[in-house]
Amino acid sequence: MYLATTGRRPDAPPRPAGVGRRVPGTVVALGAVSLVTDVSSEMVTAVLPLYLVLGLGLSPLQFGFLDGLFNGATALVRLLGGRLADRGGGRHRTVAGAGYLLSALSRLGLLLAGGAAGGIAAALAADRLGKGVRTAPRDALITLSAPPEALGRAFGVHRAMDTTGALLGPLVAFVVLWATADAYDAVFVVSFATGLLGVLVLLLFVPAGAAPIRTAPIRTAPARPVPARTPMPVAAAPKPARPKHRPLRDPVFRRVTAAAALLGAATVGDSFLYLLLQRGLDLSPMLFPLLPLGAAACYLLLAVPAGRLADRTGRRTPFLLGHGALLAAYLTLLAPLGRATAVVVLVLLGVFYAATDGVLMALAGPVLPAEGRAGGLAVLQTGQALARLVGAAGFGVAWTWWGPRPALLAAALALAAALAAAWRILPGRNTP
């Protein structure tokens, strides 16, 4: 197994004194890009279920397939983005920038689609194409810019800034809908302009490339004088072929990927949870975009502490506990809904993201060699995205056939079984 820049396992590397106390500037700059971009994307995400189900009259089954497309149908593009970023060093920013730009342009697609389901699906696919292209290069830049023993904190800071955008996005959507008398087109226009601003921040403040962090300087012995000799002609050595990195050959990385995919298949998607809350509380459509704020606020508060905890105690346990929080959210939704239970669901959803999103990348990143980091993370993200596509579509089918409560109960049972299996699959503290 290859551990980047250290000889220690990736789960809970000890933290040397004075190392990683400051978050690198590249991580902060990428966090700023994600903040602005998330304002743009969450404006659309906040109103999308309302727009599709209540505005256009889509059934839960149709929405389930579109939601799966919105969250994972472009998985193969993640592999392409990771491979392009790993080729010819320094392409991480370029590939990520192309993904951010495509996502921004997808907002115009939603504007031009009107009520056509095909046009809406194409616009959502373009947005996910952009996210699929940019995510692995961006996360690889983070792992290459911060020391391995502080990756949990680095990802925590990035995800906290990212979540700040997720917190502001629904607020902006709410203000735009209030000011324009529920004009969804205005939301798409403002989202497009904000997305372009994120691309500009990336180009101005994120370096074009990042060199892998070294935890200790490489020392070489002083050169000794050598008697002059007559040079002998030698044939030029052939240039070694560039090694092809196949991350799934690594048993530890393979187990991390399998556990993430298994758990991803048992998640139903945030949009379904918000729809269940809206129906259970009989919320006004105008207030619907405010539901994600509770989860985003909790995520924002816990992202950095969760990252620090993962660096100190091991990243496996917080990752599993985060999915336990998601299971608790499903079970809470099965109880009679009121304002208090709705708050509990949103808090548990925020805990889930704080303990799993960046922690998973911090767990997997050090396993991968620096020159294949983006491609390996893309493989992990692809498996998780495809699994979540299956989970969202399956929940939509179950809701249509059985109704919301039996479907949610089935999802809770599936997540409990996936947690038990992941606890056995995921590498533990005694991983060699």
Protein backbone atom coordinates (compact mmCIF):
# COMPACT_ATOMS: atom_id res chain seq x y z
CA MET A 1 0.00 0.00 0.00
CA TYR A 2 1.26 3.47 -0.84
CA LEU A 3 0.87 6.17 1.80
CA ALA A 4 1.57 9.62 0.41
CA THR A 5 4.46 11.41 2.14
CA THR A 6 4.24 9.35 5.35
CA GLY A 7 4.82 5.80 6.43
CA ARG A 8 1.72 5.76 8.59
CA ARG A 9 -1.74 4.46 7.87
CA PRO A 10 -4.34 7.00 6.68
CA ASP A 11 -6.95 6.34 9.35
CA ALA A 12 -5.50 8.18 12.33
CA PRO A 13 -2.00 9.51 11.73
CA PRO A 14 -0.40 11.16 14.76
CA ARG A 15 -0.18 14.91 14.53
CA PRO A 16 3.36 16.27 15.01
CA ALA A 17 3.68 19.42 17.06
CA GLY A 18 3.45 22.56 15.00
CA VAL A 19 2.43 20.81 11.80
CA GLY A 20 -0.76 21.70 9.98
CA ARG A 21 -1.93 24.37 12.41
CA ARG A 22 -2.51 26.80 9.59
CA VAL A 23 -4.76 25.94 6.72
CA PRO A 24 -2.89 26.45 3.42
CA GLY A 25 -3.91 29.40 1.27
CA THR A 26 -4.87 27.12 -1.62
CA VAL A 27 -7.43 25.38 0.60
CA VAL A 28 -8.91 28.72 1.68
CA ALA A 29 -9.06 29.94 -1.93
CA LEU A 30 -10.79 26.73 -3.03
CA GLY A 31 -13.18 27.18 -0.12
CA ALA A 32 -14.03 30.67 -1.39
CA VAL A 33 -14.72 29.28 -4.86
CA SER A 34 -16.97 26.59 -3.40
CA LEU A 35 -18.75 29.17 -1.23
CA VAL A 36 -19.70 31.33 -4.21
CA THR A 37 -20.53 28.34 -6.40
CA ASP A 38 -22.72 26.79 -3.72
CA VAL A 39 -24.71 30.00 -3.42
CA SER A 40 -25.43 29.54 -7.12
CA SER A 41 -26.19 25.81 -7.02
CA GLU A 42 -28.20 25.77 -3.79
CA MET A 43 -30.47 28.52 -5.11
CA VAL A 44 -31.58 26.02 -7.73
CA THR A 45 -31.51 22.99 -5.43
CA ALA A 46 -33.73 24.76 -2.90
CA VAL A 47 -36.52 25.47 -5.38
CA LEU A 48 -36.11 22.45 -7.66
CA PRO A 49 -38.35 19.96 -5.80
CA LEU A 50 -41.05 22.60 -5.53
CA TYR A 51 -40.64 23.59 -9.17
CA LEU A 52 -40.78 20.03 -10.47
CA VAL A 53 -43.37 18.42 -8.17
CA LEU A 54 -45.71 21.30 -7.37
CA GLY A 55 -45.05 23.57 -10.34
CA LEU A 56 -44.80 21.06 -13.20
CA GLY A 57 -46.76 18.23 -11.57
CA LEU A 58 -44.13 15.48 -11.75
CA SER A 59 -44.89 12.29 -9.82
CA PRO A 60 -42.56 11.09 -7.04
CA LEU A 61 -41.35 8.36 -9.43
CA GLN A 62 -40.42 10.90 -12.12
CA PHE A 63 -38.82 13.18 -9.56
CA GLY A 64 -36.87 10.25 -8.13
CA PHE A 65 -35.24 9.53 -11.47
CA LEU A 66 -34.52 13.21 -12.10
CA ASP A 67 -33.11 13.61 -8.59
CA GLY A 68 -30.89 10.59 -9.16
CA LEU A 69 -29.72 12.17 -12.40
CA PHE A 70 -29.10 15.44 -10.55
CA ASN A 71 -26.92 13.66 -7.97
CA GLY A 72 -25.12 10.87 -9.76
CA ALA A 73 -25.89 10.06 -13.39
CA THR A 74 -22.67 11.66 -14.67
CA ALA A 75 -20.41 9.36 -12.66
CA LEU A 76 -18.25 8.37 -15.63
CA VAL A 77 -17.38 12.02 -16.19
CA ARG A 78 -15.75 12.04 -12.73
CA LEU A 79 -13.31 9.44 -14.01
CA LEU A 80 -12.55 11.56 -17.05
CA GLY A 81 -12.01 14.66 -14.91
CA GLY A 82 -9.66 12.81 -12.59
CA ARG A 83 -7.66 11.32 -15.45
CA LEU A 84 -7.32 14.66 -17.24
CA ALA A 85 -6.18 16.37 -14.03
CA ASP A 86 -3.50 13.73 -13.38
CA ARG A 87 -2.01 14.03 -16.85
CA GLY A 88 0.72 16.63 -17.37
CA GLY A 89 0.92 18.12 -13.83
CA GLY A 90 -0.71 21.42 -13.08
CA ARG A 91 -4.00 20.70 -14.83
CA HIS A 92 -6.06 20.40 -11.67
CA ARG A 93 -7.18 24.03 -11.74
CA THR A 94 -7.88 24.00 -15.48
CA VAL A 95 -10.06 20.90 -15.32
CA ALA A 96 -11.86 22.11 -12.21
CA GLY A 97 -12.47 25.51 -13.82
CA ALA A 98 -14.07 23.87 -16.85
CA GLY A 99 -16.43 22.00 -14.53
CA TYR A 100 -17.40 25.14 -12.63
CA LEU A 101 -18.10 26.97 -15.90
CA LEU A 102 -20.29 24.17 -17.25
CA SER A 103 -22.37 24.15 -14.08
CA ALA A 104 -22.89 27.90 -14.33
CA LEU A 105 -24.03 27.60 -17.94
CA SER A 106 -26.52 24.87 -16.99
CA ARG A 107 -28.61 27.54 -15.21
CA LEU A 108 -29.31 29.08 -18.61
CA GLY A 109 -30.46 25.63 -19.74
CA LEU A 110 -33.07 25.55 -16.99
CA LEU A 111 -34.18 29.01 -18.02
CA LEU A 112 -34.57 28.03 -21.66
CA ALA A 113 -36.17 24.63 -20.97
CA GLY A 114 -39.44 26.10 -19.75
CA GLY A 115 -41.64 23.18 -18.68
CA ALA A 116 -40.16 20.61 -21.07
CA ALA A 117 -39.03 17.55 -19.11
CA GLY A 118 -36.36 16.75 -21.70
CA GLY A 119 -34.86 20.22 -21.48
CA ILE A 120 -34.90 20.13 -17.69
CA ALA A 121 -33.19 16.73 -17.67
CA ALA A 122 -30.52 18.00 -20.09
CA ALA A 123 -29.86 21.06 -17.94
CA LEU A 124 -29.58 18.93 -14.79
CA ALA A 125 -27.25 16.55 -16.60
CA ALA A 126 -25.04 19.50 -17.66
CA ASP A 127 -24.88 20.72 -14.07
CA ARG A 128 -23.86 17.27 -12.82
CA LEU A 129 -21.35 16.97 -15.67
CA GLY A 130 -19.73 20.13 -14.37
CA LYS A 131 -19.72 18.87 -10.79
CA GLY A 132 -18.38 15.50 -11.88
CA VAL A 133 -15.51 17.10 -13.77
CA ARG A 134 -14.48 19.51 -11.01
CA THR A 135 -14.87 17.54 -7.78
CA ALA A 136 -11.93 15.12 -7.99
CA PRO A 137 -9.36 17.73 -9.20
CA ARG A 138 -10.51 20.13 -6.47
CA ASP A 139 -10.25 17.53 -3.71
CA ALA A 140 -6.90 16.35 -5.08
CA LEU A 141 -5.62 19.95 -4.86
CA ILE A 142 -6.64 19.99 -1.20
CA THR A 143 -4.83 16.72 -0.42
CA LEU A 144 -1.73 17.95 -2.26
CA SER A 145 -1.73 21.31 -0.47
CA ALA A 146 -2.10 20.14 3.15
CA PRO A 147 -0.01 17.66 5.19
CA PRO A 148 -1.60 14.20 5.49
CA GLU A 149 -1.91 14.40 9.28
CA ALA A 150 -4.03 17.58 8.96
CA LEU A 151 -6.25 16.59 6.02
CA GLY A 152 -9.32 16.24 8.21
CA ARG A 153 -9.00 19.85 9.33
CA ALA A 154 -8.24 21.08 5.80
CA PHE A 155 -11.33 19.37 4.40
CA GLY A 156 -13.31 20.59 7.39
CA VAL A 157 -12.40 24.21 6.64
CA HIS A 158 -13.17 23.76 2.94
CA ARG A 159 -16.49 22.06 3.63
CA ALA A 160 -17.41 24.74 6.19
CA MET A 161 -16.89 27.46 3.58
CA ASP A 162 -18.72 25.36 1.02
CA THR A 163 -21.60 24.96 3.44
CA THR A 164 -21.70 28.70 4.06
CA GLY A 165 -22.65 28.99 0.41
CA ALA A 166 -25.22 26.24 0.87
CA LEU A 167 -26.64 28.24 3.76
CA LEU A 168 -26.81 31.48 1.79
CA GLY A 169 -28.19 29.92 -1.41
CA PRO A 170 -31.70 29.12 -0.14
CA LEU A 171 -31.86 32.55 1.52
CA VAL A 172 -31.06 34.23 -1.77
CA ALA A 173 -33.64 32.04 -3.54
CA PHE A 174 -36.23 32.97 -0.92
CA VAL A 175 -35.51 36.69 -1.35
CA VAL A 176 -35.64 36.44 -5.16
CA LEU A 177 -38.96 34.54 -5.09
CA TRP A 178 -40.40 37.03 -2.61
CA ALA A 179 -39.26 40.04 -4.67
CA THR A 180 -40.47 38.62 -7.99
CA ALA A 181 -43.75 37.00 -6.88
CA ASP A 182 -42.54 33.38 -7.28
CA ALA A 183 -40.73 33.91 -10.61
CA TYR A 184 -38.48 30.85 -10.93
CA ASP A 185 -36.82 32.32 -14.02
CA ALA A 186 -35.36 35.10 -11.88
CA VAL A 187 -33.81 32.50 -9.57
CA PHE A 188 -32.12 30.83 -12.54
CA VAL A 189 -30.73 34.15 -13.85
CA VAL A 190 -29.26 35.17 -10.48
CA SER A 191 -27.83 31.67 -10.05
CA PHE A 192 -26.11 31.91 -13.45
CA ALA A 193 -24.46 35.25 -12.63
CA THR A 194 -23.26 33.96 -9.24
CA GLY A 195 -21.80 30.84 -10.84
CA LEU A 196 -19.73 32.95 -13.23
CA LEU A 197 -18.38 34.88 -10.24
CA GLY A 198 -17.16 31.59 -8.75
CA VAL A 199 -15.22 30.81 -11.93
CA LEU A 200 -13.58 34.24 -11.75
CA VAL A 201 -12.51 33.69 -8.12
CA LEU A 202 -10.95 30.36 -9.13
CA LEU A 203 -8.89 31.93 -11.92
CA LEU A 204 -7.70 34.85 -9.78
CA PHE A 205 -6.87 33.22 -6.45
CA VAL A 206 -6.22 29.48 -6.92
CA PRO A 207 -2.69 28.56 -8.08
CA ALA A 208 -2.42 26.63 -11.32
CA GLY A 209 -0.84 23.61 -9.61
CA ALA A 210 0.13 22.26 -6.23
CA ALA A 211 3.19 20.28 -5.26
CA PRO A 212 2.79 17.39 -2.81
CA ILE A 213 3.49 18.35 0.81
CA ARG A 214 6.56 16.79 2.39
CA THR A 215 6.56 16.26 6.13
CA ALA A 216 10.36 16.23 6.42
CA PRO A 217 13.17 17.55 4.22
CA ILE A 218 15.12 15.08 2.14
CA ARG A 219 18.79 15.10 3.19
CA THR A 220 21.56 14.05 0.88
CA ALA A 221 25.19 13.30 1.70
CA PRO A 222 27.77 15.94 0.67
CA ALA A 223 29.34 15.32 -2.68
CA ARG A 224 32.90 13.91 -2.71
CA PRO A 225 35.48 14.97 -5.23
CA VAL A 226 35.85 12.42 -8.00
CA PRO A 227 38.94 12.18 -10.20
CA ALA A 228 38.34 13.41 -13.72
CA ARG A 229 37.82 10.64 -16.23
CA THR A 230 37.49 10.57 -19.92
CA PRO A 231 33.79 10.39 -20.71
CA MET A 232 32.75 7.25 -22.53
CA PRO A 233 29.98 7.40 -25.11
CA VAL A 234 26.90 5.64 -23.85
CA ALA A 235 23.60 4.98 -25.49
CA ALA A 236 20.73 7.11 -24.26
CA ALA A 237 18.55 5.21 -21.86
CA PRO A 238 15.00 4.77 -23.05
CA LYS A 239 12.50 7.03 -21.30
CA PRO A 240 10.56 4.98 -18.79
CA ALA A 241 6.91 4.52 -19.54
CA ARG A 242 4.55 6.44 -17.33
CA PRO A 243 3.05 4.06 -14.79
CA LYS A 244 -0.67 3.54 -14.87
CA HIS A 245 -2.23 3.81 -11.45
CA ARG A 246 -5.08 1.43 -10.78
CA PRO A 247 -6.36 2.43 -7.36
CA LEU A 248 -8.77 -0.49 -7.03
CA ARG A 249 -5.80 -2.87 -6.91
CA ASP A 250 -4.96 -1.47 -3.49
CA PRO A 251 -6.90 -3.59 -0.95
CA VAL A 252 -7.37 -0.75 1.55
CA PHE A 253 -8.66 1.70 -1.06
CA ARG A 254 -10.89 -1.03 -2.49
CA ARG A 255 -12.49 -1.56 0.92
CA VAL A 256 -13.04 2.18 1.43
CA THR A 257 -14.71 2.43 -1.99
CA ALA A 258 -16.91 -0.62 -1.37
CA ALA A 259 -18.09 0.73 2.00
CA ALA A 260 -18.84 4.18 0.57
CA ALA A 261 -20.82 2.71 -2.33
CA LEU A 262 -22.78 0.37 -0.07
CA LEU A 263 -23.79 3.20 2.24
CA GLY A 264 -24.54 5.48 -0.71
CA ALA A 265 -27.04 2.98 -2.11
CA ALA A 266 -29.00 3.21 1.15
CA THR A 267 -29.41 7.02 1.06
CA VAL A 268 -32.58 8.46 -0.42
CA GLY A 269 -31.51 12.02 -1.23
CA ASP A 270 -32.05 15.25 0.69
CA SER A 271 -34.82 16.46 -1.61
CA PHE A 272 -37.06 13.56 -0.60
CA LEU A 273 -36.49 14.32 3.07
CA TYR A 274 -37.44 17.96 2.53
CA LEU A 275 -40.56 16.92 0.62
CA LEU A 276 -41.55 14.64 3.49
CA LEU A 277 -41.05 17.50 5.95
CA GLN A 278 -43.05 19.89 3.76
CA ARG A 279 -45.96 17.46 3.53
CA GLY A 280 -45.86 16.51 7.19
CA LEU A 281 -45.77 20.13 8.39
CA ASP A 282 -48.02 21.45 5.61
CA LEU A 283 -45.54 24.23 4.91
CA SER A 284 -46.30 27.04 2.52
CA PRO A 285 -44.48 26.70 -0.83
CA MET A 286 -42.79 30.05 -0.16
CA LEU A 287 -41.17 28.64 2.99
CA PHE A 288 -39.96 25.43 1.34
CA PRO A 289 -36.54 26.87 0.25
CA LEU A 290 -35.77 27.59 3.92
CA LEU A 291 -35.79 23.91 4.97
CA PRO A 292 -32.17 23.20 3.93
CA LEU A 293 -30.96 26.05 6.14
CA GLY A 294 -31.17 24.00 9.34
CA ALA A 295 -29.03 21.19 7.96
CA ALA A 296 -26.58 23.63 6.37
CA ALA A 297 -26.19 25.61 9.62
CA CYS A 298 -25.43 22.45 11.60
CA TYR A 299 -22.98 21.28 8.93
CA LEU A 300 -21.25 24.66 9.01
CA LEU A 301 -20.79 24.54 12.78
CA LEU A 302 -19.56 20.93 12.90
CA ALA A 303 -17.42 20.56 9.75
CA VAL A 304 -14.14 21.78 11.28
CA PRO A 305 -14.60 20.06 14.69
CA ALA A 306 -15.48 16.81 12.90
CA GLY A 307 -12.35 17.10 10.75
CA ARG A 308 -10.15 17.71 13.79
CA LEU A 309 -11.73 14.80 15.62
CA ALA A 310 -11.11 12.55 12.63
CA ASP A 311 -7.43 13.58 12.52
CA ARG A 312 -6.99 12.73 16.19
CA THR A 313 -9.08 9.61 16.71
CA GLY A 314 -9.25 8.02 13.27
CA ARG A 315 -11.48 8.74 10.29
CA ARG A 316 -13.34 5.44 10.21
CA THR A 317 -15.43 5.99 13.35
CA PRO A 318 -16.76 9.51 12.51
CA PHE A 319 -17.66 8.30 9.02
CA LEU A 320 -19.75 5.43 10.40
CA LEU A 321 -21.31 7.57 13.14
CA GLY A 322 -22.33 10.13 10.53
CA HIS A 323 -24.36 7.49 8.71
CA GLY A 324 -25.81 6.50 12.06
CA ALA A 325 -27.07 10.09 12.35
CA LEU A 326 -28.71 9.75 8.93
CA LEU A 327 -30.42 6.55 10.08
CA ALA A 328 -31.70 8.43 13.13
CA ALA A 329 -33.11 11.11 10.81
CA TYR A 330 -35.05 8.46 8.86
CA LEU A 331 -36.48 7.01 12.06
CA THR A 332 -37.43 10.48 13.32
CA LEU A 333 -39.35 11.13 10.10
CA LEU A 334 -41.39 8.00 10.80
CA ALA A 335 -42.62 9.53 14.06
CA PRO A 336 -45.47 12.10 14.17
CA LEU A 337 -44.08 15.29 12.69
CA GLY A 338 -44.04 18.61 14.51
CA ARG A 339 -41.73 21.58 14.65
CA ALA A 340 -39.46 19.94 17.22
CA THR A 341 -39.07 16.71 15.25
CA ALA A 342 -38.45 18.69 12.07
CA VAL A 343 -35.57 20.52 13.79
CA VAL A 344 -34.17 17.18 14.95
CA VAL A 345 -34.24 15.83 11.38
CA LEU A 346 -32.42 18.87 10.00
CA VAL A 347 -29.78 18.76 12.75
CA LEU A 348 -29.17 15.04 12.17
CA LEU A 349 -28.81 15.68 8.45
CA GLY A 350 -26.18 18.34 9.17
CA VAL A 351 -24.31 15.95 11.48
CA PHE A 352 -24.36 13.33 8.72
CA TYR A 353 -22.63 15.61 6.22
CA ALA A 354 -20.14 17.05 8.72
CA ALA A 355 -18.97 13.57 9.74
CA THR A 356 -18.83 11.97 6.29
CA ASP A 357 -18.23 14.33 3.36
CA GLY A 358 -14.70 15.65 3.90
CA VAL A 359 -13.80 12.82 6.28
CA LEU A 360 -14.17 10.25 3.48
CA MET A 361 -11.80 12.21 1.22
CA ALA A 362 -9.31 12.59 4.09
CA LEU A 363 -9.51 8.84 4.72
CA ALA A 364 -8.93 7.84 1.11
CA GLY A 365 -6.51 10.56 -0.05
CA PRO A 366 -3.29 9.41 1.69
CA VAL A 367 -3.75 5.88 0.35
CA LEU A 368 -3.25 7.17 -3.20
CA PRO A 369 0.04 8.27 -4.83
CA ALA A 370 0.29 11.99 -5.54
CA GLU A 371 0.50 11.50 -9.31
CA GLY A 372 -2.71 9.46 -9.32
CA ARG A 373 -4.59 11.25 -6.57
CA ALA A 374 -7.30 12.92 -8.68
CA GLY A 375 -8.03 9.74 -10.65
CA GLY A 376 -8.27 7.64 -7.50
CA LEU A 377 -10.60 10.06 -5.75
CA ALA A 378 -12.68 10.12 -8.93
CA VAL A 379 -13.08 6.34 -8.73
CA LEU A 380 -14.27 6.65 -5.14
CA GLN A 381 -16.68 9.47 -5.95
CA THR A 382 -17.97 7.59 -9.00
CA GLY A 383 -18.86 4.53 -6.97
CA GLN A 384 -20.62 6.65 -4.39
CA ALA A 385 -22.48 8.70 -7.03
CA LEU A 386 -23.72 5.62 -8.91
CA ALA A 387 -24.87 4.08 -5.64
CA ARG A 388 -26.79 7.23 -4.70
CA LEU A 389 -28.39 7.25 -8.14
CA VAL A 390 -29.71 3.76 -7.45
CA GLY A 391 -30.84 4.79 -3.96
CA ALA A 392 -32.74 7.88 -5.15
CA ALA A 393 -34.43 6.07 -8.03
CA GLY A 394 -35.31 3.10 -5.82
CA PHE A 395 -36.88 5.32 -3.18
CA GLY A 396 -38.92 7.08 -5.85
CA VAL A 397 -40.24 3.72 -7.05
CA ALA A 398 -41.02 2.59 -3.49
CA TRP A 399 -42.83 5.86 -2.73
CA THR A 400 -44.94 5.51 -5.87
CA TRP A 401 -45.86 1.87 -5.22
CA TRP A 402 -46.14 1.73 -1.43
CA GLY A 403 -46.49 5.31 -0.22
CA PRO A 404 -44.02 7.52 1.68
CA ARG A 405 -44.03 5.83 5.11
CA PRO A 406 -43.45 2.21 3.96
CA ALA A 407 -40.78 3.47 1.53
CA LEU A 408 -38.99 5.35 4.32
CA LEU A 409 -39.16 2.33 6.62
CA ALA A 410 -37.59 0.19 3.89
CA ALA A 411 -34.86 2.82 3.43
CA ALA A 412 -34.13 2.82 7.18
CA LEU A 413 -33.80 -0.98 7.22
CA ALA A 414 -31.52 -0.87 4.18
CA LEU A 415 -29.28 1.78 5.79
CA ALA A 416 -29.06 -0.22 9.03
CA ALA A 417 -27.96 -3.30 7.08
CA ALA A 418 -25.46 -1.23 5.04
CA LEU A 419 -24.00 0.22 8.27
CA ALA A 420 -23.46 -3.25 9.71
CA ALA A 421 -21.72 -4.38 6.53
CA ALA A 422 -19.60 -1.20 6.25
CA TRP A 423 -18.45 -1.61 9.86
CA ARG A 424 -16.89 -4.92 8.80
CA ILE A 425 -15.58 -3.77 5.41
CA LEU A 426 -14.05 -0.39 6.25
CA PRO A 427 -10.36 -0.49 7.29
CA GLY A 428 -9.94 -0.15 11.05
CA ARG A 429 -7.26 1.14 13.38
CA ASN A 430 -5.13 -1.97 13.06
CA THR A 431 -4.90 -1.72 9.26
CA PRO A 432 -1.26 -2.42 8.28
